[in-house]
């Protein structure tokens, strides 16, 4: 969301903005993962989250897996889901 001048905003607002734009998010922020899981549990729609723990995946693996997700999935298929990297 740096292009959108929203760096540093609260996680719930970040997910709201991504949903408004129809874009799933990629993050290594555990707080954002908590917010996404809260939304899943309470039925609040969001555009989807692809999550990777920093110590469990390399940058190269993230890029490869994100490219694969972009090639085989439509953004709507990630709606209200959390996908974990590495795949």
PDB file of N, CA and C in Angstrom:
ATOM      1  N   UNK A   1       0.814  -1.192   0.000  1.00  0.00           N
ATOM      2  CA  UNK A   1       0.000   0.000   0.000  1.00  0.00           C
ATOM      3  C   UNK A   1       0.862   1.263   0.000  1.00  0.00           C
ATOM      4  N   UNK A   2       2.153   1.111  -0.244  1.00  0.00           N
ATOM      5  CA  UNK A   2       3.014   2.285  -0.319  1.00  0.00           C
ATOM      6  C   UNK A   2       2.597   3.194  -1.465  1.00  0.00           C
ATOM      7  N   UNK A   3       2.173   2.614  -2.600  1.00  0.00           N
ATOM      8  CA  UNK A   3       1.725   3.413  -3.742  1.00  0.00           C
ATOM      9  C   UNK A   3       0.469   4.203  -3.402  1.00  0.00           C
ATOM     10  N   UNK A   4      -0.243   3.756  -2.415  1.00  0.00           N
ATOM     11  CA  UNK A   4      -1.511   4.348  -2.024  1.00  0.00           C
ATOM     12  C   UNK A   4      -1.339   5.326  -0.864  1.00  0.00           C
ATOM     13  N   UNK A   5      -0.093   5.595  -0.485  1.00  0.00           N
ATOM     14  CA  UNK A   5       0.232   6.502   0.622  1.00  0.00           C
ATOM     15  C   UNK A   5      -0.459   6.089   1.916  1.00  0.00           C
ATOM     16  N   UNK A   6      -0.446   4.774   2.193  1.00  0.00           N
ATOM     17  CA  UNK A   6      -1.098   4.267   3.396  1.00  0.00           C
ATOM     18  C   UNK A   6      -0.139   3.465   4.272  1.00  0.00           C
ATOM     19  N   UNK A   7       1.132   3.696   4.125  1.00  0.00           N
ATOM     20  CA  UNK A   7       2.117   3.001   4.935  1.00  0.00           C
ATOM     21  C   UNK A   7       1.924   3.378   6.408  1.00  0.00           C
ATOM     22  N   UNK A   8       1.958   2.375   7.260  1.00  0.00           N
ATOM     23  CA  UNK A   8       1.853   2.620   8.694  1.00  0.00           C
ATOM     24  C   UNK A   8       0.435   2.702   9.220  1.00  0.00           C
ATOM     25  N   UNK A   9      -0.574   2.419   8.385  1.00  0.00           N
ATOM     26  CA  UNK A   9      -1.950   2.475   8.899  1.00  0.00           C
ATOM     27  C   UNK A   9      -2.274   1.188   9.649  1.00  0.00           C
ATOM     28  N   UNK A  10      -3.312   1.243  10.442  1.00  0.00           N
ATOM     29  CA  UNK A  10      -3.730   0.089  11.247  1.00  0.00           C
ATOM     30  C   UNK A  10      -4.093  -1.091  10.343  1.00  0.00           C
ATOM     31  N   UNK A  11      -3.863  -2.297  10.852  1.00  0.00           N
ATOM     32  CA  UNK A  11      -4.086  -3.515  10.067  1.00  0.00           C
ATOM     33  C   UNK A  11      -5.518  -3.626   9.551  1.00  0.00           C
ATOM     34  N   UNK A  12      -6.499  -3.313  10.370  1.00  0.00           N
ATOM     35  CA  UNK A  12      -7.884  -3.437   9.912  1.00  0.00           C
ATOM     36  C   UNK A  12      -8.178  -2.464   8.767  1.00  0.00           C
ATOM     37  N   UNK A  13      -7.574  -1.287   8.801  1.00  0.00           N
ATOM     38  CA  UNK A  13      -7.766  -0.331   7.712  1.00  0.00           C
ATOM     39  C   UNK A  13      -7.024  -0.772   6.453  1.00  0.00           C
ATOM     40  N   UNK A  14      -5.879  -1.401   6.637  1.00  0.00           N
ATOM     41  CA  UNK A  14      -5.123  -1.922   5.503  1.00  0.00           C
ATOM     42  C   UNK A  14      -5.916  -3.019   4.782  1.00  0.00           C
ATOM     43  N   UNK A  15      -6.491  -3.934   5.552  1.00  0.00           N
ATOM     44  CA  UNK A  15      -7.315  -4.975   4.943  1.00  0.00           C
ATOM     45  C   UNK A  15      -8.572  -4.390   4.300  1.00  0.00           C
ATOM     46  N   UNK A  16      -9.155  -3.376   4.915  1.00  0.00           N
ATOM     47  CA  UNK A  16     -10.322  -2.713   4.321  1.00  0.00           C
ATOM     48  C   UNK A  16      -9.960  -2.099   2.968  1.00  0.00           C
ATOM     49  N   UNK A  17      -8.822  -1.417   2.899  1.00  0.00           N
ATOM     50  CA  UNK A  17      -8.407  -0.768   1.648  1.00  0.00           C
ATOM     51  C   UNK A  17      -8.091  -1.804   0.571  1.00  0.00           C
ATOM     52  N   UNK A  18      -7.391  -2.873   0.925  1.00  0.00           N
ATOM     53  CA  UNK A  18      -7.087  -3.925  -0.044  1.00  0.00           C
ATOM     54  C   UNK A  18      -8.376  -4.546  -0.568  1.00  0.00           C
ATOM     55  N   UNK A  19      -9.349  -4.729   0.304  1.00  0.00           N
ATOM     56  CA  UNK A  19     -10.634  -5.293  -0.096  1.00  0.00           C
ATOM     57  C   UNK A  19     -11.360  -4.333  -1.035  1.00  0.00           C
ATOM     58  N   UNK A  20     -11.319  -3.065  -0.711  1.00  0.00           N
ATOM     59  CA  UNK A  20     -11.930  -2.045  -1.564  1.00  0.00           C
ATOM     60  C   UNK A  20     -11.328  -2.075  -2.973  1.00  0.00           C
ATOM     61  N   UNK A  21     -10.034  -2.317  -3.056  1.00  0.00           N
ATOM     62  CA  UNK A  21      -9.335  -2.370  -4.334  1.00  0.00           C
ATOM     63  C   UNK A  21      -9.408  -3.745  -5.003  1.00  0.00           C
ATOM     64  N   UNK A  22      -9.899  -4.752  -4.259  1.00  0.00           N
ATOM     65  CA  UNK A  22      -9.986  -6.110  -4.796  1.00  0.00           C
ATOM     66  C   UNK A  22      -8.632  -6.788  -4.913  1.00  0.00           C
ATOM     67  N   UNK A  23      -7.725  -6.462  -3.994  1.00  0.00           N
ATOM     68  CA  UNK A  23      -6.372  -6.997  -4.039  1.00  0.00           C
ATOM     69  C   UNK A  23      -6.041  -7.791  -2.778  1.00  0.00           C
ATOM     70  N   UNK A  24      -5.654  -9.045  -2.937  1.00  0.00           N
ATOM     71  CA  UNK A  24      -5.146  -9.785  -1.782  1.00  0.00           C
ATOM     72  C   UNK A  24      -3.830  -9.158  -1.318  1.00  0.00           C
ATOM     73  N   UNK A  25      -3.502  -9.358  -0.070  1.00  0.00           N
ATOM     74  CA  UNK A  25      -2.259  -8.825   0.495  1.00  0.00           C
ATOM     75  C   UNK A  25      -1.253  -9.938   0.727  1.00  0.00           C
ATOM     76  N   UNK A  26       0.024  -9.595   0.629  1.00  0.00           N
ATOM     77  CA  UNK A  26       1.111 -10.451   1.085  1.00  0.00           C
ATOM     78  C   UNK A  26       1.713  -9.763   2.292  1.00  0.00           C
ATOM     79  N   UNK A  27       1.982 -10.533   3.341  1.00  0.00           N
ATOM     80  CA  UNK A  27       2.567  -9.941   4.542  1.00  0.00           C
ATOM     81  C   UNK A  27       3.383 -10.966   5.312  1.00  0.00           C
ATOM     82  N   UNK A  28       4.306 -10.442   6.069  1.00  0.00           N
ATOM     83  CA  UNK A  28       5.044 -11.234   7.058  1.00  0.00           C
ATOM     84  C   UNK A  28       4.767 -10.689   8.455  1.00  0.00           C
ATOM     85  N   UNK A  29       3.743  -9.861   8.572  1.00  0.00           N
ATOM     86  CA  UNK A  29       3.349  -9.226   9.827  1.00  0.00           C
ATOM     87  C   UNK A  29       2.345 -10.114  10.559  1.00  0.00           C
ATOM     88  N   UNK A  30       2.738 -10.617  11.699  1.00  0.00           N
ATOM     89  CA  UNK A  30       1.872 -11.524  12.451  1.00  0.00           C
ATOM     90  C   UNK A  30       0.586 -10.846  12.916  1.00  0.00           C
ATOM     91  N   UNK A  31       0.638  -9.553  13.206  1.00  0.00           N
ATOM     92  CA  UNK A  31      -0.573  -8.837  13.615  1.00  0.00           C
ATOM     93  C   UNK A  31      -1.610  -8.804  12.497  1.00  0.00           C
ATOM     94  N   UNK A  32      -1.155  -8.690  11.255  1.00  0.00           N
ATOM     95  CA  UNK A  32      -2.073  -8.716  10.122  1.00  0.00           C
ATOM     96  C   UNK A  32      -2.697 -10.103   9.972  1.00  0.00           C
ATOM     97  N   UNK A  33      -1.918 -11.129  10.237  1.00  0.00           N
ATOM     98  CA  UNK A  33      -2.446 -12.496  10.227  1.00  0.00           C
ATOM     99  C   UNK A  33      -3.537 -12.643  11.284  1.00  0.00           C
ATOM    100  N   UNK A  34      -3.312 -12.111  12.462  1.00  0.00           N
ATOM    101  CA  UNK A  34      -4.311 -12.171  13.534  1.00  0.00           C
ATOM    102  C   UNK A  34      -5.598 -11.477  13.097  1.00  0.00           C
ATOM    103  N   UNK A  35      -5.470 -10.321  12.462  1.00  0.00           N
ATOM    104  CA  UNK A  35      -6.655  -9.585  11.993  1.00  0.00           C
ATOM    105  C   UNK A  35      -7.402 -10.379  10.920  1.00  0.00           C
ATOM    106  N   UNK A  36      -6.686 -10.993   9.995  1.00  0.00           N
ATOM    107  CA  UNK A  36      -7.332 -11.793   8.948  1.00  0.00           C
ATOM    108  C   UNK A  36      -8.067 -12.983   9.568  1.00  0.00           C
ATOM    109  N   UNK A  37      -7.457 -13.634  10.519  1.00  0.00           N
ATOM    110  CA  UNK A  37      -8.103 -14.785  11.160  1.00  0.00           C
ATOM    111  C   UNK A  37      -9.320 -14.344  11.984  1.00  0.00           C
ATOM    112  N   UNK A  38      -9.234 -13.171  12.591  1.00  0.00           N
ATOM    113  CA  UNK A  38     -10.383 -12.626  13.323  1.00  0.00           C
ATOM    114  C   UNK A  38     -11.552 -12.421  12.361  1.00  0.00           C
ATOM    115  N   UNK A  39     -11.248 -11.879  11.189  1.00  0.00           N
ATOM    116  CA  UNK A  39     -12.295 -11.653  10.194  1.00  0.00           C
ATOM    117  C   UNK A  39     -12.892 -12.970   9.716  1.00  0.00           C
ATOM    118  N   UNK A  40     -12.065 -13.964   9.535  1.00  0.00           N
ATOM    119  CA  UNK A  40     -12.590 -15.274   9.148  1.00  0.00           C
ATOM    120  C   UNK A  40     -13.564 -15.791  10.206  1.00  0.00           C
ATOM    121  N   UNK A  41     -13.184 -15.635  11.460  1.00  0.00           N
ATOM    122  CA  UNK A  41     -14.006 -16.150  12.555  1.00  0.00           C
ATOM    123  C   UNK A  41     -15.298 -15.396  12.776  1.00  0.00           C
ATOM    124  N   UNK A  42     -15.318 -14.122  12.367  1.00  0.00           N
ATOM    125  CA  UNK A  42     -16.513 -13.304  12.598  1.00  0.00           C
ATOM    126  C   UNK A  42     -17.305 -13.041  11.324  1.00  0.00           C
ATOM    127  N   UNK A  43     -16.835 -13.568  10.198  1.00  0.00           N
ATOM    128  CA  UNK A  43     -17.563 -13.421   8.941  1.00  0.00           C
ATOM    129  C   UNK A  43     -17.412 -12.070   8.272  1.00  0.00           C
ATOM    130  N   UNK A  44     -16.365 -11.336   8.608  1.00  0.00           N
ATOM    131  CA  UNK A  44     -16.111 -10.049   7.957  1.00  0.00           C
ATOM    132  C   UNK A  44     -15.292 -10.315   6.700  1.00  0.00           C
ATOM    133  N   UNK A  45     -15.808  -9.918   5.557  1.00  0.00           N
ATOM    134  CA  UNK A  45     -15.138 -10.175   4.289  1.00  0.00           C
ATOM    135  C   UNK A  45     -13.838  -9.378   4.164  1.00  0.00           C
ATOM    136  N   UNK A  46     -12.867 -10.007   3.514  1.00  0.00           N
ATOM    137  CA  UNK A  46     -11.607  -9.337   3.174  1.00  0.00           C
ATOM    138  C   UNK A  46     -11.060  -9.974   1.911  1.00  0.00           C
ATOM    139  N   UNK A  47     -10.128  -9.299   1.293  1.00  0.00           N
ATOM    140  CA  UNK A  47      -9.660  -9.704  -0.034  1.00  0.00           C
ATOM    141  C   UNK A  47      -8.710 -10.890  -0.035  1.00  0.00           C
ATOM    142  N   UNK A  48      -8.273 -11.324   1.105  1.00  0.00           N
ATOM    143  CA  UNK A  48      -7.362 -12.464   1.200  1.00  0.00           C
ATOM    144  C   UNK A  48      -5.982 -12.034   1.650  1.00  0.00           C
ATOM    145  N   UNK A  49      -5.283 -12.976   2.254  1.00  0.00           N
ATOM    146  CA  UNK A  49      -3.939 -12.717   2.765  1.00  0.00           C
ATOM    147  C   UNK A  49      -3.046 -13.894   2.417  1.00  0.00           C
ATOM    148  N   UNK A  50      -1.892 -13.577   1.881  1.00  0.00           N
ATOM    149  CA  UNK A  50      -0.837 -14.571   1.692  1.00  0.00           C
ATOM    150  C   UNK A  50       0.203 -14.229   2.744  1.00  0.00           C
ATOM    151  N   UNK A  51       0.488 -15.188   3.619  1.00  0.00           N
ATOM    152  CA  UNK A  51       1.329 -14.930   4.790  1.00  0.00           C
ATOM    153  C   UNK A  51       2.545 -15.851   4.797  1.00  0.00           C
ATOM    154  N   UNK A  52       3.676 -15.277   5.165  1.00  0.00           N
ATOM    155  CA  UNK A  52       4.914 -16.055   5.315  1.00  0.00           C
ATOM    156  C   UNK A  52       5.639 -15.609   6.576  1.00  0.00           C
ATOM    157  N   UNK A  53       6.051 -16.554   7.369  1.00  0.00           N
ATOM    158  CA  UNK A  53       6.888 -16.230   8.534  1.00  0.00           C
ATOM    159  C   UNK A  53       8.301 -15.961   8.032  1.00  0.00           C
ATOM    160  N   UNK A  54       8.889 -14.895   8.493  1.00  0.00           N
ATOM    161  CA  UNK A  54      10.192 -14.449   7.985  1.00  0.00           C
ATOM    162  C   UNK A  54      11.262 -15.512   8.110  1.00  0.00           C
ATOM    163  N   UNK A  55      11.259 -16.243   9.186  1.00  0.00           N
ATOM    164  CA  UNK A  55      12.341 -17.205   9.417  1.00  0.00           C
ATOM    165  C   UNK A  55      12.089 -18.554   8.747  1.00  0.00           C
ATOM    166  N   UNK A  56      10.937 -18.722   8.088  1.00  0.00           N
ATOM    167  CA  UNK A  56      10.616 -20.010   7.496  1.00  0.00           C
ATOM    168  C   UNK A  56      10.709 -20.035   5.975  1.00  0.00           C
ATOM    169  N   UNK A  57      10.953 -18.889   5.349  1.00  0.00           N
ATOM    170  CA  UNK A  57      10.951 -18.844   3.890  1.00  0.00           C
ATOM    171  C   UNK A  57      11.933 -17.779   3.409  1.00  0.00           C
ATOM    172  N   UNK A  58      12.616 -18.082   2.324  1.00  0.00           N
ATOM    173  CA  UNK A  58      13.553 -17.110   1.751  1.00  0.00           C
ATOM    174  C   UNK A  58      12.799 -16.137   0.841  1.00  0.00           C
ATOM    175  N   UNK A  59      13.435 -15.039   0.530  1.00  0.00           N
ATOM    176  CA  UNK A  59      12.838 -14.078  -0.394  1.00  0.00           C
ATOM    177  C   UNK A  59      12.587 -14.738  -1.747  1.00  0.00           C
ATOM    178  N   UNK A  60      13.541 -15.509  -2.209  1.00  0.00           N
ATOM    179  CA  UNK A  60      13.391 -16.206  -3.490  1.00  0.00           C
ATOM    180  C   UNK A  60      12.199 -17.141  -3.494  1.00  0.00           C
ATOM    181  N   UNK A  61      12.006 -17.876  -2.396  1.00  0.00           N
ATOM    182  CA  UNK A  61      10.849 -18.773  -2.295  1.00  0.00           C
ATOM    183  C   UNK A  61       9.544 -17.972  -2.297  1.00  0.00           C
ATOM    184  N   UNK A  62       9.535 -16.844  -1.608  1.00  0.00           N
ATOM    185  CA  UNK A  62       8.333 -15.998  -1.597  1.00  0.00           C
ATOM    186  C   UNK A  62       8.003 -15.521  -3.006  1.00  0.00           C
ATOM    187  N   UNK A  63       9.011 -15.035  -3.714  1.00  0.00           N
ATOM    188  CA  UNK A  63       8.784 -14.536  -5.074  1.00  0.00           C
ATOM    189  C   UNK A  63       8.258 -15.655  -5.963  1.00  0.00           C
ATOM    190  N   UNK A  64       8.878 -16.810  -5.890  1.00  0.00           N
ATOM    191  CA  UNK A  64       8.446 -17.952  -6.706  1.00  0.00           C
ATOM    192  C   UNK A  64       7.011 -18.344  -6.387  1.00  0.00           C
ATOM    193  N   UNK A  65       6.688 -18.459  -5.106  1.00  0.00           N
ATOM    194  CA  UNK A  65       5.343 -18.878  -4.708  1.00  0.00           C
ATOM    195  C   UNK A  65       4.296 -17.812  -5.033  1.00  0.00           C
ATOM    196  N   UNK A  66       4.636 -16.539  -4.850  1.00  0.00           N
ATOM    197  CA  UNK A  66       3.700 -15.467  -5.191  1.00  0.00           C
ATOM    198  C   UNK A  66       3.439 -15.430  -6.695  1.00  0.00           C
ATOM    199  N   UNK A  67       4.472 -15.668  -7.485  1.00  0.00           N
ATOM    200  CA  UNK A  67       4.300 -15.721  -8.934  1.00  0.00           C
ATOM    201  C   UNK A  67       3.371 -16.873  -9.311  1.00  0.00           C
ATOM    202  N   UNK A  68       3.561 -18.012  -8.676  1.00  0.00           N
ATOM    203  CA  UNK A  68       2.704 -19.164  -8.945  1.00  0.00           C
ATOM    204  C   UNK A  68       1.244 -18.860  -8.584  1.00  0.00           C
ATOM    205  N   UNK A  69       1.039 -18.266  -7.437  1.00  0.00           N
ATOM    206  CA  UNK A  69      -0.318 -17.904  -7.017  1.00  0.00           C
ATOM    207  C   UNK A  69      -0.934 -16.943  -8.032  1.00  0.00           C
ATOM    208  N   UNK A  70      -0.172 -15.956  -8.474  1.00  0.00           N
ATOM    209  CA  UNK A  70      -0.672 -14.980  -9.448  1.00  0.00           C
ATOM    210  C   UNK A  70      -1.029 -15.634 -10.777  1.00  0.00           C
ATOM    211  N   UNK A  71      -0.296 -16.677 -11.143  1.00  0.00           N
ATOM    212  CA  UNK A  71      -0.534 -17.341 -12.421  1.00  0.00           C
ATOM    213  C   UNK A  71      -1.721 -18.298 -12.396  1.00  0.00           C
ATOM    214  N   UNK A  72      -1.991 -18.913 -11.260  1.00  0.00           N
ATOM    215  CA  UNK A  72      -3.011 -19.962 -11.239  1.00  0.00           C
ATOM    216  C   UNK A  72      -4.298 -19.581 -10.502  1.00  0.00           C
ATOM    217  N   UNK A  73      -4.296 -18.479  -9.784  1.00  0.00           N
ATOM    218  CA  UNK A  73      -5.486 -18.101  -9.019  1.00  0.00           C
ATOM    219  C   UNK A  73      -5.968 -16.721  -9.428  1.00  0.00           C
ATOM    220  N   UNK A  74      -7.274 -16.565  -9.410  1.00  0.00           N
ATOM    221  CA  UNK A  74      -7.879 -15.250  -9.583  1.00  0.00           C
ATOM    222  C   UNK A  74      -7.988 -14.603  -8.201  1.00  0.00           C
ATOM    223  N   UNK A  75      -7.917 -13.277  -8.133  1.00  0.00           N
ATOM    224  CA  UNK A  75      -8.015 -12.618  -6.824  1.00  0.00           C
ATOM    225  C   UNK A  75      -9.240 -13.053  -6.018  1.00  0.00           C
ATOM    226  N   UNK A  76     -10.365 -13.299  -6.705  1.00  0.00           N
ATOM    227  CA  UNK A  76     -11.592 -13.701  -6.004  1.00  0.00           C
ATOM    228  C   UNK A  76     -11.432 -15.039  -5.288  1.00  0.00           C
ATOM    229  N   UNK A  77     -10.540 -15.882  -5.796  1.00  0.00           N
ATOM    230  CA  UNK A  77     -10.327 -17.190  -5.177  1.00  0.00           C
ATOM    231  C   UNK A  77      -9.608 -17.073  -3.828  1.00  0.00           C
ATOM    232  N   UNK A  78      -8.952 -15.960  -3.600  1.00  0.00           N
ATOM    233  CA  UNK A  78      -8.267 -15.747  -2.323  1.00  0.00           C
ATOM    234  C   UNK A  78      -9.148 -15.032  -1.298  1.00  0.00           C
ATOM    235  N   UNK A  79     -10.302 -14.558  -1.732  1.00  0.00           N
ATOM    236  CA  UNK A  79     -11.178 -13.806  -0.834  1.00  0.00           C
ATOM    237  C   UNK A  79     -11.484 -14.606   0.426  1.00  0.00           C
ATOM    238  N   UNK A  80     -11.326 -13.954   1.564  1.00  0.00           N
ATOM    239  CA  UNK A  80     -11.627 -14.510   2.886  1.00  0.00           C
ATOM    240  C   UNK A  80     -10.754 -15.706   3.254  1.00  0.00           C
ATOM    241  N   UNK A  81      -9.621 -15.843   2.590  1.00  0.00           N
ATOM    242  CA  UNK A  81      -8.701 -16.951   2.855  1.00  0.00           C
ATOM    243  C   UNK A  81      -7.356 -16.431   3.319  1.00  0.00           C
ATOM    244  N   UNK A  82      -6.645 -17.297   4.027  1.00  0.00           N
ATOM    245  CA  UNK A  82      -5.245 -17.075   4.359  1.00  0.00           C
ATOM    246  C   UNK A  82      -4.467 -18.218   3.740  1.00  0.00           C
ATOM    247  N   UNK A  83      -3.529 -17.891   2.889  1.00  0.00           N
ATOM    248  CA  UNK A  83      -2.631 -18.873   2.294  1.00  0.00           C
ATOM    249  C   UNK A  83      -1.254 -18.682   2.934  1.00  0.00           C
ATOM    250  N   UNK A  84      -0.602 -19.760   3.236  1.00  0.00           N
ATOM    251  CA  UNK A  84       0.689 -19.709   3.899  1.00  0.00           C
ATOM    252  C   UNK A  84       1.811 -20.076   2.938  1.00  0.00           C
ATOM    253  N   UNK A  85       2.891 -19.337   3.002  1.00  0.00           N
ATOM    254  CA  UNK A  85       4.111 -19.661   2.251  1.00  0.00           C
ATOM    255  C   UNK A  85       5.141 -20.202   3.212  1.00  0.00           C
ATOM    256  N   UNK A  86       5.990 -21.124   2.773  1.00  0.00           N
ATOM    257  CA  UNK A  86       6.076 -21.631   1.413  1.00  0.00           C
ATOM    258  C   UNK A  86       4.914 -22.583   1.119  1.00  0.00           C
ATOM    259  N   UNK A  87       4.587 -22.661  -0.187  1.00  0.00           N
ATOM    260  CA  UNK A  87       3.500 -23.546  -0.622  1.00  0.00           C
ATOM    261  C   UNK A  87       3.864 -24.993  -0.412  1.00  0.00           C
TER     262      UNK A  87
END
